[in-house]
Amino acid sequence: MMTWRELLNVILNKARYQPDAMDDNVTVYDAADGEYYPADTIEFEEADDVLNAGHMFISVNVENENEN
């Protein structure tokens, strides 16, 4: 499991050595189905039974959920 701090360090290191990579789309790999998905948003949870208030998360397939 990766923390946001670890993710930030990876991103900062990538930006330092490959600054053009910061213009790439955010992509999430779902190992369960072997597919890549573009991230739609970064959000902060208000609170529910799964996450605490303020917990940051990345959403994928938002447009698919809105169609249902």
Protein backbone atom coordinates (compact mmCIF):
# COMPACT_ATOMS: atom_id res chain seq x y z
CA MET A 1 0.00 0.00 0.00
CA MET A 2 1.35 3.42 -0.96
CA THR A 3 0.88 6.61 1.04
CA TRP A 4 0.26 10.03 -0.48
CA ARG A 5 3.70 11.08 0.83
CA GLU A 6 5.35 8.21 -1.04
CA LEU A 7 3.40 9.08 -4.17
CA LEU A 8 4.46 12.72 -3.87
CA ASN A 9 8.12 11.70 -3.57
CA VAL A 10 7.85 9.54 -6.70
CA ILE A 11 6.18 12.38 -8.61
CA LEU A 12 8.75 14.97 -7.45
CA ASN A 13 11.61 12.67 -8.44
CA LYS A 14 10.03 12.07 -11.85
CA ALA A 15 9.50 15.82 -12.32
CA ARG A 16 13.12 16.51 -11.45
CA TYR A 17 14.57 14.16 -14.06
CA GLN A 18 11.76 14.12 -16.65
CA PRO A 19 9.83 17.39 -16.32
CA ASP A 20 7.85 16.78 -19.51
CA ALA A 21 6.25 13.73 -17.84
CA MET A 22 4.25 16.14 -15.68
CA ASP A 23 2.12 16.89 -18.75
CA ASP A 24 1.05 13.22 -19.06
CA ASN A 25 -2.46 12.17 -18.06
CA VAL A 26 -2.90 10.56 -14.64
CA THR A 27 -3.51 6.87 -15.30
CA VAL A 28 -4.53 4.11 -12.88
CA TYR A 29 -3.78 0.43 -13.56
CA ASP A 30 -6.36 -2.06 -12.32
CA ALA A 31 -4.41 -5.28 -11.80
CA ALA A 32 -7.64 -7.23 -11.26
CA ASP A 33 -8.72 -6.77 -14.88
CA GLY A 34 -5.38 -5.80 -16.46
CA GLU A 35 -6.75 -2.47 -17.70
CA TYR A 36 -5.50 1.12 -17.55
CA TYR A 37 -7.98 3.89 -16.72
CA PRO A 38 -7.56 7.67 -16.88
CA ALA A 39 -8.09 9.33 -13.51
CA ASP A 40 -11.07 11.67 -13.59
CA THR A 41 -10.74 13.59 -10.34
CA ILE A 42 -8.97 13.79 -7.01
CA GLU A 43 -11.53 14.15 -4.27
CA PHE A 44 -11.76 14.45 -0.49
CA GLU A 45 -14.23 12.25 1.36
CA GLU A 46 -16.78 13.98 3.56
CA ALA A 47 -17.20 10.78 5.64
CA ASP A 48 -18.81 7.40 5.17
CA ASP A 49 -18.56 3.85 6.47
CA VAL A 50 -15.36 3.20 4.52
CA LEU A 51 -13.22 6.36 4.63
CA ASN A 52 -12.70 9.02 7.25
CA ALA A 53 -13.60 12.65 6.57
CA GLY A 54 -10.90 14.40 4.54
CA HIS A 55 -9.41 11.18 3.11
CA MET A 56 -8.11 11.93 -0.38
CA PHE A 57 -8.87 9.52 -3.23
CA ILE A 58 -8.62 9.31 -7.01
CA SER A 59 -11.78 8.58 -9.02
CA VAL A 60 -11.90 6.62 -12.27
CA ASN A 61 -14.81 5.88 -14.59
CA VAL A 62 -16.81 8.82 -13.22
CA GLU A 63 -18.56 9.31 -16.55
CA ASN A 64 -19.68 5.66 -16.50
CA GLU A 65 -21.25 6.05 -13.04
CA ASN A 66 -23.13 9.18 -14.13
CA GLU A 67 -24.70 7.23 -17.02
CA ASN A 68 -26.37 4.69 -14.67
